[in-house]
PDBML (XML) file of the C-alpha atoms, coordinates in Angstrom:
<?xml version="1.0" encoding="UTF-8" ?>
<PDBx:datablock datablockName="MODEL"
   xmlns:PDBx="http://pdbml.pdb.org/schema/pdbx-v50.xsd"
   xmlns:xsi="http://www.w3.org/2001/XMLSchema-instance"
   xsi:schemaLocation="http://pdbml.pdb.org/schema/pdbx-v50.xsd pdbx-v50.xsd">
   <PDBx:atom_siteCategory>
      <PDBx:atom_site id="1">
         <PDBx:B_iso_or_equiv>0.00</PDBx:B_iso_or_equiv>
         <PDBx:Cartn_x>21.391</PDBx:Cartn_x>
         <PDBx:Cartn_y>26.998</PDBx:Cartn_y>
         <PDBx:Cartn_z>-32.731</PDBx:Cartn_z>
         <PDBx:auth_asym_id>A</PDBx:auth_asym_id>
         <PDBx:auth_atom_id>CA</PDBx:auth_atom_id>
         <PDBx:auth_comp_id>ILE</PDBx:auth_comp_id>
         <PDBx:auth_seq_id>1</PDBx:auth_seq_id>
         <PDBx:group_PDB>ATOM</PDBx:group_PDB>
         <PDBx:label_alt_id xsi:nil="true" />
         <PDBx:label_asym_id>A</PDBx:label_asym_id>
         <PDBx:label_atom_id>CA</PDBx:label_atom_id>
         <PDBx:label_comp_id>ILE</PDBx:label_comp_id>
         <PDBx:label_entity_id>1</PDBx:label_entity_id>
         <PDBx:label_seq_id>1</PDBx:label_seq_id>
         <PDBx:occupancy>1.00</PDBx:occupancy>
         <PDBx:pdbx_PDB_model_num>1</PDBx:pdbx_PDB_model_num>
         <PDBx:type_symbol>C</PDBx:type_symbol>
      </PDBx:atom_site>
      <PDBx:atom_site id="2">
         <PDBx:B_iso_or_equiv>0.00</PDBx:B_iso_or_equiv>
         <PDBx:Cartn_x>23.972</PDBx:Cartn_x>
         <PDBx:Cartn_y>26.151</PDBx:Cartn_y>
         <PDBx:Cartn_z>-30.061</PDBx:Cartn_z>
         <PDBx:auth_asym_id>A</PDBx:auth_asym_id>
         <PDBx:auth_atom_id>CA</PDBx:auth_atom_id>
         <PDBx:auth_comp_id>LEU</PDBx:auth_comp_id>
         <PDBx:auth_seq_id>2</PDBx:auth_seq_id>
         <PDBx:group_PDB>ATOM</PDBx:group_PDB>
         <PDBx:label_alt_id xsi:nil="true" />
         <PDBx:label_asym_id>A</PDBx:label_asym_id>
         <PDBx:label_atom_id>CA</PDBx:label_atom_id>
         <PDBx:label_comp_id>LEU</PDBx:label_comp_id>
         <PDBx:label_entity_id>1</PDBx:label_entity_id>
         <PDBx:label_seq_id>2</PDBx:label_seq_id>
         <PDBx:occupancy>1.00</PDBx:occupancy>
         <PDBx:pdbx_PDB_model_num>1</PDBx:pdbx_PDB_model_num>
         <PDBx:type_symbol>C</PDBx:type_symbol>
      </PDBx:atom_site>
      <PDBx:atom_site id="3">
         <PDBx:B_iso_or_equiv>0.00</PDBx:B_iso_or_equiv>
         <PDBx:Cartn_x>21.797</PDBx:Cartn_x>
         <PDBx:Cartn_y>23.288</PDBx:Cartn_y>
         <PDBx:Cartn_z>-28.790</PDBx:Cartn_z>
         <PDBx:auth_asym_id>A</PDBx:auth_asym_id>
         <PDBx:auth_atom_id>CA</PDBx:auth_atom_id>
         <PDBx:auth_comp_id>LYS</PDBx:auth_comp_id>
         <PDBx:auth_seq_id>3</PDBx:auth_seq_id>
         <PDBx:group_PDB>ATOM</PDBx:group_PDB>
         <PDBx:label_alt_id xsi:nil="true" />
         <PDBx:label_asym_id>A</PDBx:label_asym_id>
         <PDBx:label_atom_id>CA</PDBx:label_atom_id>
         <PDBx:label_comp_id>LYS</PDBx:label_comp_id>
         <PDBx:label_entity_id>1</PDBx:label_entity_id>
         <PDBx:label_seq_id>3</PDBx:label_seq_id>
         <PDBx:occupancy>1.00</PDBx:occupancy>
         <PDBx:pdbx_PDB_model_num>1</PDBx:pdbx_PDB_model_num>
         <PDBx:type_symbol>C</PDBx:type_symbol>
      </PDBx:atom_site>
      <PDBx:atom_site id="4">
         <PDBx:B_iso_or_equiv>0.00</PDBx:B_iso_or_equiv>
         <PDBx:Cartn_x>21.566</PDBx:Cartn_x>
         <PDBx:Cartn_y>21.859</PDBx:Cartn_y>
         <PDBx:Cartn_z>-32.328</PDBx:Cartn_z>
         <PDBx:auth_asym_id>A</PDBx:auth_asym_id>
         <PDBx:auth_atom_id>CA</PDBx:auth_atom_id>
         <PDBx:auth_comp_id>ASN</PDBx:auth_comp_id>
         <PDBx:auth_seq_id>4</PDBx:auth_seq_id>
         <PDBx:group_PDB>ATOM</PDBx:group_PDB>
         <PDBx:label_alt_id xsi:nil="true" />
         <PDBx:label_asym_id>A</PDBx:label_asym_id>
         <PDBx:label_atom_id>CA</PDBx:label_atom_id>
         <PDBx:label_comp_id>ASN</PDBx:label_comp_id>
         <PDBx:label_entity_id>1</PDBx:label_entity_id>
         <PDBx:label_seq_id>4</PDBx:label_seq_id>
         <PDBx:occupancy>1.00</PDBx:occupancy>
         <PDBx:pdbx_PDB_model_num>1</PDBx:pdbx_PDB_model_num>
         <PDBx:type_symbol>C</PDBx:type_symbol>
      </PDBx:atom_site>
      <PDBx:atom_site id="5">
         <PDBx:B_iso_or_equiv>0.00</PDBx:B_iso_or_equiv>
         <PDBx:Cartn_x>25.318</PDBx:Cartn_x>
         <PDBx:Cartn_y>22.291</PDBx:Cartn_y>
         <PDBx:Cartn_z>-32.766</PDBx:Cartn_z>
         <PDBx:auth_asym_id>A</PDBx:auth_asym_id>
         <PDBx:auth_atom_id>CA</PDBx:auth_atom_id>
         <PDBx:auth_comp_id>GLN</PDBx:auth_comp_id>
         <PDBx:auth_seq_id>5</PDBx:auth_seq_id>
         <PDBx:group_PDB>ATOM</PDBx:group_PDB>
         <PDBx:label_alt_id xsi:nil="true" />
         <PDBx:label_asym_id>A</PDBx:label_asym_id>
         <PDBx:label_atom_id>CA</PDBx:label_atom_id>
         <PDBx:label_comp_id>GLN</PDBx:label_comp_id>
         <PDBx:label_entity_id>1</PDBx:label_entity_id>
         <PDBx:label_seq_id>5</PDBx:label_seq_id>
         <PDBx:occupancy>1.00</PDBx:occupancy>
         <PDBx:pdbx_PDB_model_num>1</PDBx:pdbx_PDB_model_num>
         <PDBx:type_symbol>C</PDBx:type_symbol>
      </PDBx:atom_site>
      <PDBx:atom_site id="6">
         <PDBx:B_iso_or_equiv>0.00</PDBx:B_iso_or_equiv>
         <PDBx:Cartn_x>25.831</PDBx:Cartn_x>
         <PDBx:Cartn_y>20.563</PDBx:Cartn_y>
         <PDBx:Cartn_z>-29.418</PDBx:Cartn_z>
         <PDBx:auth_asym_id>A</PDBx:auth_asym_id>
         <PDBx:auth_atom_id>CA</PDBx:auth_atom_id>
         <PDBx:auth_comp_id>HIS</PDBx:auth_comp_id>
         <PDBx:auth_seq_id>6</PDBx:auth_seq_id>
         <PDBx:group_PDB>ATOM</PDBx:group_PDB>
         <PDBx:label_alt_id xsi:nil="true" />
         <PDBx:label_asym_id>A</PDBx:label_asym_id>
         <PDBx:label_atom_id>CA</PDBx:label_atom_id>
         <PDBx:label_comp_id>HIS</PDBx:label_comp_id>
         <PDBx:label_entity_id>1</PDBx:label_entity_id>
         <PDBx:label_seq_id>6</PDBx:label_seq_id>
         <PDBx:occupancy>1.00</PDBx:occupancy>
         <PDBx:pdbx_PDB_model_num>1</PDBx:pdbx_PDB_model_num>
         <PDBx:type_symbol>C</PDBx:type_symbol>
      </PDBx:atom_site>
      <PDBx:atom_site id="7">
         <PDBx:B_iso_or_equiv>0.00</PDBx:B_iso_or_equiv>
         <PDBx:Cartn_x>23.656</PDBx:Cartn_x>
         <PDBx:Cartn_y>17.660</PDBx:Cartn_y>
         <PDBx:Cartn_z>-30.543</PDBx:Cartn_z>
         <PDBx:auth_asym_id>A</PDBx:auth_asym_id>
         <PDBx:auth_atom_id>CA</PDBx:auth_atom_id>
         <PDBx:auth_comp_id>GLU</PDBx:auth_comp_id>
         <PDBx:auth_seq_id>7</PDBx:auth_seq_id>
         <PDBx:group_PDB>ATOM</PDBx:group_PDB>
         <PDBx:label_alt_id xsi:nil="true" />
         <PDBx:label_asym_id>A</PDBx:label_asym_id>
         <PDBx:label_atom_id>CA</PDBx:label_atom_id>
         <PDBx:label_comp_id>GLU</PDBx:label_comp_id>
         <PDBx:label_entity_id>1</PDBx:label_entity_id>
         <PDBx:label_seq_id>7</PDBx:label_seq_id>
         <PDBx:occupancy>1.00</PDBx:occupancy>
         <PDBx:pdbx_PDB_model_num>1</PDBx:pdbx_PDB_model_num>
         <PDBx:type_symbol>C</PDBx:type_symbol>
      </PDBx:atom_site>
      <PDBx:atom_site id="8">
         <PDBx:B_iso_or_equiv>0.00</PDBx:B_iso_or_equiv>
         <PDBx:Cartn_x>25.610</PDBx:Cartn_x>
         <PDBx:Cartn_y>17.447</PDBx:Cartn_y>
         <PDBx:Cartn_z>-33.816</PDBx:Cartn_z>
         <PDBx:auth_asym_id>A</PDBx:auth_asym_id>
         <PDBx:auth_atom_id>CA</PDBx:auth_atom_id>
         <PDBx:auth_comp_id>ASP</PDBx:auth_comp_id>
         <PDBx:auth_seq_id>8</PDBx:auth_seq_id>
         <PDBx:group_PDB>ATOM</PDBx:group_PDB>
         <PDBx:label_alt_id xsi:nil="true" />
         <PDBx:label_asym_id>A</PDBx:label_asym_id>
         <PDBx:label_atom_id>CA</PDBx:label_atom_id>
         <PDBx:label_comp_id>ASP</PDBx:label_comp_id>
         <PDBx:label_entity_id>1</PDBx:label_entity_id>
         <PDBx:label_seq_id>8</PDBx:label_seq_id>
         <PDBx:occupancy>1.00</PDBx:occupancy>
         <PDBx:pdbx_PDB_model_num>1</PDBx:pdbx_PDB_model_num>
         <PDBx:type_symbol>C</PDBx:type_symbol>
      </PDBx:atom_site>
      <PDBx:atom_site id="9">
         <PDBx:B_iso_or_equiv>0.00</PDBx:B_iso_or_equiv>
         <PDBx:Cartn_x>28.913</PDBx:Cartn_x>
         <PDBx:Cartn_y>17.485</PDBx:Cartn_y>
         <PDBx:Cartn_z>-31.934</PDBx:Cartn_z>
         <PDBx:auth_asym_id>A</PDBx:auth_asym_id>
         <PDBx:auth_atom_id>CA</PDBx:auth_atom_id>
         <PDBx:auth_comp_id>VAL</PDBx:auth_comp_id>
         <PDBx:auth_seq_id>9</PDBx:auth_seq_id>
         <PDBx:group_PDB>ATOM</PDBx:group_PDB>
         <PDBx:label_alt_id xsi:nil="true" />
         <PDBx:label_asym_id>A</PDBx:label_asym_id>
         <PDBx:label_atom_id>CA</PDBx:label_atom_id>
         <PDBx:label_comp_id>VAL</PDBx:label_comp_id>
         <PDBx:label_entity_id>1</PDBx:label_entity_id>
         <PDBx:label_seq_id>9</PDBx:label_seq_id>
         <PDBx:occupancy>1.00</PDBx:occupancy>
         <PDBx:pdbx_PDB_model_num>1</PDBx:pdbx_PDB_model_num>
         <PDBx:type_symbol>C</PDBx:type_symbol>
      </PDBx:atom_site>
      <PDBx:atom_site id="10">
         <PDBx:B_iso_or_equiv>0.00</PDBx:B_iso_or_equiv>
         <PDBx:Cartn_x>27.615</PDBx:Cartn_x>
         <PDBx:Cartn_y>14.809</PDBx:Cartn_y>
         <PDBx:Cartn_z>-29.539</PDBx:Cartn_z>
         <PDBx:auth_asym_id>A</PDBx:auth_asym_id>
         <PDBx:auth_atom_id>CA</PDBx:auth_atom_id>
         <PDBx:auth_comp_id>LYS</PDBx:auth_comp_id>
         <PDBx:auth_seq_id>10</PDBx:auth_seq_id>
         <PDBx:group_PDB>ATOM</PDBx:group_PDB>
         <PDBx:label_alt_id xsi:nil="true" />
         <PDBx:label_asym_id>A</PDBx:label_asym_id>
         <PDBx:label_atom_id>CA</PDBx:label_atom_id>
         <PDBx:label_comp_id>LYS</PDBx:label_comp_id>
         <PDBx:label_entity_id>1</PDBx:label_entity_id>
         <PDBx:label_seq_id>10</PDBx:label_seq_id>
         <PDBx:occupancy>1.00</PDBx:occupancy>
         <PDBx:pdbx_PDB_model_num>1</PDBx:pdbx_PDB_model_num>
         <PDBx:type_symbol>C</PDBx:type_symbol>
      </PDBx:atom_site>
      <PDBx:atom_site id="11">
         <PDBx:B_iso_or_equiv>0.00</PDBx:B_iso_or_equiv>
         <PDBx:Cartn_x>26.570</PDBx:Cartn_x>
         <PDBx:Cartn_y>12.685</PDBx:Cartn_y>
         <PDBx:Cartn_z>-32.530</PDBx:Cartn_z>
         <PDBx:auth_asym_id>A</PDBx:auth_asym_id>
         <PDBx:auth_atom_id>CA</PDBx:auth_atom_id>
         <PDBx:auth_comp_id>LYS</PDBx:auth_comp_id>
         <PDBx:auth_seq_id>11</PDBx:auth_seq_id>
         <PDBx:group_PDB>ATOM</PDBx:group_PDB>
         <PDBx:label_alt_id xsi:nil="true" />
         <PDBx:label_asym_id>A</PDBx:label_asym_id>
         <PDBx:label_atom_id>CA</PDBx:label_atom_id>
         <PDBx:label_comp_id>LYS</PDBx:label_comp_id>
         <PDBx:label_entity_id>1</PDBx:label_entity_id>
         <PDBx:label_seq_id>11</PDBx:label_seq_id>
         <PDBx:occupancy>1.00</PDBx:occupancy>
         <PDBx:pdbx_PDB_model_num>1</PDBx:pdbx_PDB_model_num>
         <PDBx:type_symbol>C</PDBx:type_symbol>
      </PDBx:atom_site>
      <PDBx:atom_site id="12">
         <PDBx:B_iso_or_equiv>0.00</PDBx:B_iso_or_equiv>
         <PDBx:Cartn_x>29.966</PDBx:Cartn_x>
         <PDBx:Cartn_y>13.209</PDBx:Cartn_y>
         <PDBx:Cartn_z>-34.190</PDBx:Cartn_z>
         <PDBx:auth_asym_id>A</PDBx:auth_asym_id>
         <PDBx:auth_atom_id>CA</PDBx:auth_atom_id>
         <PDBx:auth_comp_id>GLN</PDBx:auth_comp_id>
         <PDBx:auth_seq_id>12</PDBx:auth_seq_id>
         <PDBx:group_PDB>ATOM</PDBx:group_PDB>
         <PDBx:label_alt_id xsi:nil="true" />
         <PDBx:label_asym_id>A</PDBx:label_asym_id>
         <PDBx:label_atom_id>CA</PDBx:label_atom_id>
         <PDBx:label_comp_id>GLN</PDBx:label_comp_id>
         <PDBx:label_entity_id>1</PDBx:label_entity_id>
         <PDBx:label_seq_id>12</PDBx:label_seq_id>
         <PDBx:occupancy>1.00</PDBx:occupancy>
         <PDBx:pdbx_PDB_model_num>1</PDBx:pdbx_PDB_model_num>
         <PDBx:type_symbol>C</PDBx:type_symbol>
      </PDBx:atom_site>
      <PDBx:atom_site id="13">
         <PDBx:B_iso_or_equiv>0.00</PDBx:B_iso_or_equiv>
         <PDBx:Cartn_x>31.682</PDBx:Cartn_x>
         <PDBx:Cartn_y>12.313</PDBx:Cartn_y>
         <PDBx:Cartn_z>-30.903</PDBx:Cartn_z>
         <PDBx:auth_asym_id>A</PDBx:auth_asym_id>
         <PDBx:auth_atom_id>CA</PDBx:auth_atom_id>
         <PDBx:auth_comp_id>LEU</PDBx:auth_comp_id>
         <PDBx:auth_seq_id>13</PDBx:auth_seq_id>
         <PDBx:group_PDB>ATOM</PDBx:group_PDB>
         <PDBx:label_alt_id xsi:nil="true" />
         <PDBx:label_asym_id>A</PDBx:label_asym_id>
         <PDBx:label_atom_id>CA</PDBx:label_atom_id>
         <PDBx:label_comp_id>LEU</PDBx:label_comp_id>
         <PDBx:label_entity_id>1</PDBx:label_entity_id>
         <PDBx:label_seq_id>13</PDBx:label_seq_id>
         <PDBx:occupancy>1.00</PDBx:occupancy>
         <PDBx:pdbx_PDB_model_num>1</PDBx:pdbx_PDB_model_num>
         <PDBx:type_symbol>C</PDBx:type_symbol>
      </PDBx:atom_site>
      <PDBx:atom_site id="14">
         <PDBx:B_iso_or_equiv>0.00</PDBx:B_iso_or_equiv>
         <PDBx:Cartn_x>29.631</PDBx:Cartn_x>
         <PDBx:Cartn_y>9.128</PDBx:Cartn_y>
         <PDBx:Cartn_z>-30.644</PDBx:Cartn_z>
         <PDBx:auth_asym_id>A</PDBx:auth_asym_id>
         <PDBx:auth_atom_id>CA</PDBx:auth_atom_id>
         <PDBx:auth_comp_id>LEU</PDBx:auth_comp_id>
         <PDBx:auth_seq_id>14</PDBx:auth_seq_id>
         <PDBx:group_PDB>ATOM</PDBx:group_PDB>
         <PDBx:label_alt_id xsi:nil="true" />
         <PDBx:label_asym_id>A</PDBx:label_asym_id>
         <PDBx:label_atom_id>CA</PDBx:label_atom_id>
         <PDBx:label_comp_id>LEU</PDBx:label_comp_id>
         <PDBx:label_entity_id>1</PDBx:label_entity_id>
         <PDBx:label_seq_id>14</PDBx:label_seq_id>
         <PDBx:occupancy>1.00</PDBx:occupancy>
         <PDBx:pdbx_PDB_model_num>1</PDBx:pdbx_PDB_model_num>
         <PDBx:type_symbol>C</PDBx:type_symbol>
      </PDBx:atom_site>
      <PDBx:atom_site id="15">
         <PDBx:B_iso_or_equiv>0.00</PDBx:B_iso_or_equiv>
         <PDBx:Cartn_x>30.436</PDBx:Cartn_x>
         <PDBx:Cartn_y>8.236</PDBx:Cartn_y>
         <PDBx:Cartn_z>-34.275</PDBx:Cartn_z>
         <PDBx:auth_asym_id>A</PDBx:auth_asym_id>
         <PDBx:auth_atom_id>CA</PDBx:auth_atom_id>
         <PDBx:auth_comp_id>ASP</PDBx:auth_comp_id>
         <PDBx:auth_seq_id>15</PDBx:auth_seq_id>
         <PDBx:group_PDB>ATOM</PDBx:group_PDB>
         <PDBx:label_alt_id xsi:nil="true" />
         <PDBx:label_asym_id>A</PDBx:label_asym_id>
         <PDBx:label_atom_id>CA</PDBx:label_atom_id>
         <PDBx:label_comp_id>ASP</PDBx:label_comp_id>
         <PDBx:label_entity_id>1</PDBx:label_entity_id>
         <PDBx:label_seq_id>15</PDBx:label_seq_id>
         <PDBx:occupancy>1.00</PDBx:occupancy>
         <PDBx:pdbx_PDB_model_num>1</PDBx:pdbx_PDB_model_num>
         <PDBx:type_symbol>C</PDBx:type_symbol>
      </PDBx:atom_site>
      <PDBx:atom_site id="16">
         <PDBx:B_iso_or_equiv>0.00</PDBx:B_iso_or_equiv>
         <PDBx:Cartn_x>34.128</PDBx:Cartn_x>
         <PDBx:Cartn_y>8.930</PDBx:Cartn_y>
         <PDBx:Cartn_z>-33.674</PDBx:Cartn_z>
         <PDBx:auth_asym_id>A</PDBx:auth_asym_id>
         <PDBx:auth_atom_id>CA</PDBx:auth_atom_id>
         <PDBx:auth_comp_id>LEU</PDBx:auth_comp_id>
         <PDBx:auth_seq_id>16</PDBx:auth_seq_id>
         <PDBx:group_PDB>ATOM</PDBx:group_PDB>
         <PDBx:label_alt_id xsi:nil="true" />
         <PDBx:label_asym_id>A</PDBx:label_asym_id>
         <PDBx:label_atom_id>CA</PDBx:label_atom_id>
         <PDBx:label_comp_id>LEU</PDBx:label_comp_id>
         <PDBx:label_entity_id>1</PDBx:label_entity_id>
         <PDBx:label_seq_id>16</PDBx:label_seq_id>
         <PDBx:occupancy>1.00</PDBx:occupancy>
         <PDBx:pdbx_PDB_model_num>1</PDBx:pdbx_PDB_model_num>
         <PDBx:type_symbol>C</PDBx:type_symbol>
      </PDBx:atom_site>
      <PDBx:atom_site id="17">
         <PDBx:B_iso_or_equiv>0.00</PDBx:B_iso_or_equiv>
         <PDBx:Cartn_x>34.095</PDBx:Cartn_x>
         <PDBx:Cartn_y>6.848</PDBx:Cartn_y>
         <PDBx:Cartn_z>-30.487</PDBx:Cartn_z>
         <PDBx:auth_asym_id>A</PDBx:auth_asym_id>
         <PDBx:auth_atom_id>CA</PDBx:auth_atom_id>
         <PDBx:auth_comp_id>GLN</PDBx:auth_comp_id>
         <PDBx:auth_seq_id>17</PDBx:auth_seq_id>
         <PDBx:group_PDB>ATOM</PDBx:group_PDB>
         <PDBx:label_alt_id xsi:nil="true" />
         <PDBx:label_asym_id>A</PDBx:label_asym_id>
         <PDBx:label_atom_id>CA</PDBx:label_atom_id>
         <PDBx:label_comp_id>GLN</PDBx:label_comp_id>
         <PDBx:label_entity_id>1</PDBx:label_entity_id>
         <PDBx:label_seq_id>17</PDBx:label_seq_id>
         <PDBx:occupancy>1.00</PDBx:occupancy>
         <PDBx:pdbx_PDB_model_num>1</PDBx:pdbx_PDB_model_num>
         <PDBx:type_symbol>C</PDBx:type_symbol>
      </PDBx:atom_site>
      <PDBx:atom_site id="18">
         <PDBx:B_iso_or_equiv>0.00</PDBx:B_iso_or_equiv>
         <PDBx:Cartn_x>32.507</PDBx:Cartn_x>
         <PDBx:Cartn_y>3.948</PDBx:Cartn_y>
         <PDBx:Cartn_z>-32.373</PDBx:Cartn_z>
         <PDBx:auth_asym_id>A</PDBx:auth_asym_id>
         <PDBx:auth_atom_id>CA</PDBx:auth_atom_id>
         <PDBx:auth_comp_id>LEU</PDBx:auth_comp_id>
         <PDBx:auth_seq_id>18</PDBx:auth_seq_id>
         <PDBx:group_PDB>ATOM</PDBx:group_PDB>
         <PDBx:label_alt_id xsi:nil="true" />
         <PDBx:label_asym_id>A</PDBx:label_asym_id>
         <PDBx:label_atom_id>CA</PDBx:label_atom_id>
         <PDBx:label_comp_id>LEU</PDBx:label_comp_id>
         <PDBx:label_entity_id>1</PDBx:label_entity_id>
         <PDBx:label_seq_id>18</PDBx:label_seq_id>
         <PDBx:occupancy>1.00</PDBx:occupancy>
         <PDBx:pdbx_PDB_model_num>1</PDBx:pdbx_PDB_model_num>
         <PDBx:type_symbol>C</PDBx:type_symbol>
      </PDBx:atom_site>
      <PDBx:atom_site id="19">
         <PDBx:B_iso_or_equiv>0.00</PDBx:B_iso_or_equiv>
         <PDBx:Cartn_x>35.020</PDBx:Cartn_x>
         <PDBx:Cartn_y>4.377</PDBx:Cartn_y>
         <PDBx:Cartn_z>-35.185</PDBx:Cartn_z>
         <PDBx:auth_asym_id>A</PDBx:auth_asym_id>
         <PDBx:auth_atom_id>CA</PDBx:auth_atom_id>
         <PDBx:auth_comp_id>GLN</PDBx:auth_comp_id>
         <PDBx:auth_seq_id>19</PDBx:auth_seq_id>
         <PDBx:group_PDB>ATOM</PDBx:group_PDB>
         <PDBx:label_alt_id xsi:nil="true" />
         <PDBx:label_asym_id>A</PDBx:label_asym_id>
         <PDBx:label_atom_id>CA</PDBx:label_atom_id>
         <PDBx:label_comp_id>GLN</PDBx:label_comp_id>
         <PDBx:label_entity_id>1</PDBx:label_entity_id>
         <PDBx:label_seq_id>19</PDBx:label_seq_id>
         <PDBx:occupancy>1.00</PDBx:occupancy>
         <PDBx:pdbx_PDB_model_num>1</PDBx:pdbx_PDB_model_num>
         <PDBx:type_symbol>C</PDBx:type_symbol>
      </PDBx:atom_site>
      <PDBx:atom_site id="20">
         <PDBx:B_iso_or_equiv>0.00</PDBx:B_iso_or_equiv>
         <PDBx:Cartn_x>37.841</PDBx:Cartn_x>
         <PDBx:Cartn_y>4.561</PDBx:Cartn_y>
         <PDBx:Cartn_z>-32.614</PDBx:Cartn_z>
         <PDBx:auth_asym_id>A</PDBx:auth_asym_id>
         <PDBx:auth_atom_id>CA</PDBx:auth_atom_id>
         <PDBx:auth_comp_id>HIS</PDBx:auth_comp_id>
         <PDBx:auth_seq_id>20</PDBx:auth_seq_id>
         <PDBx:group_PDB>ATOM</PDBx:group_PDB>
         <PDBx:label_alt_id xsi:nil="true" />
         <PDBx:label_asym_id>A</PDBx:label_asym_id>
         <PDBx:label_atom_id>CA</PDBx:label_atom_id>
         <PDBx:label_comp_id>HIS</PDBx:label_comp_id>
         <PDBx:label_entity_id>1</PDBx:label_entity_id>
         <PDBx:label_seq_id>20</PDBx:label_seq_id>
         <PDBx:occupancy>1.00</PDBx:occupancy>
         <PDBx:pdbx_PDB_model_num>1</PDBx:pdbx_PDB_model_num>
         <PDBx:type_symbol>C</PDBx:type_symbol>
      </PDBx:atom_site>
      <PDBx:atom_site id="21">
         <PDBx:B_iso_or_equiv>0.00</PDBx:B_iso_or_equiv>
         <PDBx:Cartn_x>36.637</PDBx:Cartn_x>
         <PDBx:Cartn_y>1.373</PDBx:Cartn_y>
         <PDBx:Cartn_z>-30.922</PDBx:Cartn_z>
         <PDBx:auth_asym_id>A</PDBx:auth_asym_id>
         <PDBx:auth_atom_id>CA</PDBx:auth_atom_id>
         <PDBx:auth_comp_id>ASN</PDBx:auth_comp_id>
         <PDBx:auth_seq_id>21</PDBx:auth_seq_id>
         <PDBx:group_PDB>ATOM</PDBx:group_PDB>
         <PDBx:label_alt_id xsi:nil="true" />
         <PDBx:label_asym_id>A</PDBx:label_asym_id>
         <PDBx:label_atom_id>CA</PDBx:label_atom_id>
         <PDBx:label_comp_id>ASN</PDBx:label_comp_id>
         <PDBx:label_entity_id>1</PDBx:label_entity_id>
         <PDBx:label_seq_id>21</PDBx:label_seq_id>
         <PDBx:occupancy>1.00</PDBx:occupancy>
         <PDBx:pdbx_PDB_model_num>1</PDBx:pdbx_PDB_model_num>
         <PDBx:type_symbol>C</PDBx:type_symbol>
      </PDBx:atom_site>
      <PDBx:atom_site id="22">
         <PDBx:B_iso_or_equiv>0.00</PDBx:B_iso_or_equiv>
         <PDBx:Cartn_x>36.400</PDBx:Cartn_x>
         <PDBx:Cartn_y>-0.489</PDBx:Cartn_y>
         <PDBx:Cartn_z>-34.237</PDBx:Cartn_z>
         <PDBx:auth_asym_id>A</PDBx:auth_asym_id>
         <PDBx:auth_atom_id>CA</PDBx:auth_atom_id>
         <PDBx:auth_comp_id>SER</PDBx:auth_comp_id>
         <PDBx:auth_seq_id>22</PDBx:auth_seq_id>
         <PDBx:group_PDB>ATOM</PDBx:group_PDB>
         <PDBx:label_alt_id xsi:nil="true" />
         <PDBx:label_asym_id>A</PDBx:label_asym_id>
         <PDBx:label_atom_id>CA</PDBx:label_atom_id>
         <PDBx:label_comp_id>SER</PDBx:label_comp_id>
         <PDBx:label_entity_id>1</PDBx:label_entity_id>
         <PDBx:label_seq_id>22</PDBx:label_seq_id>
         <PDBx:occupancy>1.00</PDBx:occupancy>
         <PDBx:pdbx_PDB_model_num>1</PDBx:pdbx_PDB_model_num>
         <PDBx:type_symbol>C</PDBx:type_symbol>
      </PDBx:atom_site>
      <PDBx:atom_site id="23">
         <PDBx:B_iso_or_equiv>0.00</PDBx:B_iso_or_equiv>
         <PDBx:Cartn_x>39.869</PDBx:Cartn_x>
         <PDBx:Cartn_y>0.765</PDBx:Cartn_y>
         <PDBx:Cartn_z>-35.238</PDBx:Cartn_z>
         <PDBx:auth_asym_id>A</PDBx:auth_asym_id>
         <PDBx:auth_atom_id>CA</PDBx:auth_atom_id>
         <PDBx:auth_comp_id>LEU</PDBx:auth_comp_id>
         <PDBx:auth_seq_id>23</PDBx:auth_seq_id>
         <PDBx:group_PDB>ATOM</PDBx:group_PDB>
         <PDBx:label_alt_id xsi:nil="true" />
         <PDBx:label_asym_id>A</PDBx:label_asym_id>
         <PDBx:label_atom_id>CA</PDBx:label_atom_id>
         <PDBx:label_comp_id>LEU</PDBx:label_comp_id>
         <PDBx:label_entity_id>1</PDBx:label_entity_id>
         <PDBx:label_seq_id>23</PDBx:label_seq_id>
         <PDBx:occupancy>1.00</PDBx:occupancy>
         <PDBx:pdbx_PDB_model_num>1</PDBx:pdbx_PDB_model_num>
         <PDBx:type_symbol>C</PDBx:type_symbol>
      </PDBx:atom_site>
      <PDBx:atom_site id="24">
         <PDBx:B_iso_or_equiv>0.00</PDBx:B_iso_or_equiv>
         <PDBx:Cartn_x>41.196</PDBx:Cartn_x>
         <PDBx:Cartn_y>-0.258</PDBx:Cartn_y>
         <PDBx:Cartn_z>-31.828</PDBx:Cartn_z>
         <PDBx:auth_asym_id>A</PDBx:auth_asym_id>
         <PDBx:auth_atom_id>CA</PDBx:auth_atom_id>
         <PDBx:auth_comp_id>LYS</PDBx:auth_comp_id>
         <PDBx:auth_seq_id>24</PDBx:auth_seq_id>
         <PDBx:group_PDB>ATOM</PDBx:group_PDB>
         <PDBx:label_alt_id xsi:nil="true" />
         <PDBx:label_asym_id>A</PDBx:label_asym_id>
         <PDBx:label_atom_id>CA</PDBx:label_atom_id>
         <PDBx:label_comp_id>LYS</PDBx:label_comp_id>
         <PDBx:label_entity_id>1</PDBx:label_entity_id>
         <PDBx:label_seq_id>24</PDBx:label_seq_id>
         <PDBx:occupancy>1.00</PDBx:occupancy>
         <PDBx:pdbx_PDB_model_num>1</PDBx:pdbx_PDB_model_num>
         <PDBx:type_symbol>C</PDBx:type_symbol>
      </PDBx:atom_site>
      <PDBx:atom_site id="25">
         <PDBx:B_iso_or_equiv>0.00</PDBx:B_iso_or_equiv>
         <PDBx:Cartn_x>39.714</PDBx:Cartn_x>
         <PDBx:Cartn_y>-3.743</PDBx:Cartn_y>
         <PDBx:Cartn_z>-32.286</PDBx:Cartn_z>
         <PDBx:auth_asym_id>A</PDBx:auth_asym_id>
         <PDBx:auth_atom_id>CA</PDBx:auth_atom_id>
         <PDBx:auth_comp_id>LEU</PDBx:auth_comp_id>
         <PDBx:auth_seq_id>25</PDBx:auth_seq_id>
         <PDBx:group_PDB>ATOM</PDBx:group_PDB>
         <PDBx:label_alt_id xsi:nil="true" />
         <PDBx:label_asym_id>A</PDBx:label_asym_id>
         <PDBx:label_atom_id>CA</PDBx:label_atom_id>
         <PDBx:label_comp_id>LEU</PDBx:label_comp_id>
         <PDBx:label_entity_id>1</PDBx:label_entity_id>
         <PDBx:label_seq_id>25</PDBx:label_seq_id>
         <PDBx:occupancy>1.00</PDBx:occupancy>
         <PDBx:pdbx_PDB_model_num>1</PDBx:pdbx_PDB_model_num>
         <PDBx:type_symbol>C</PDBx:type_symbol>
      </PDBx:atom_site>
   </PDBx:atom_siteCategory>
</PDBx:datablock>
């Protein structure tokens, strides 16, 4: 469960980083 949650959080982090980069641009 924690591994799946970790993967979800990693995916969310990646999405947020992409969103942050596009917003920064």
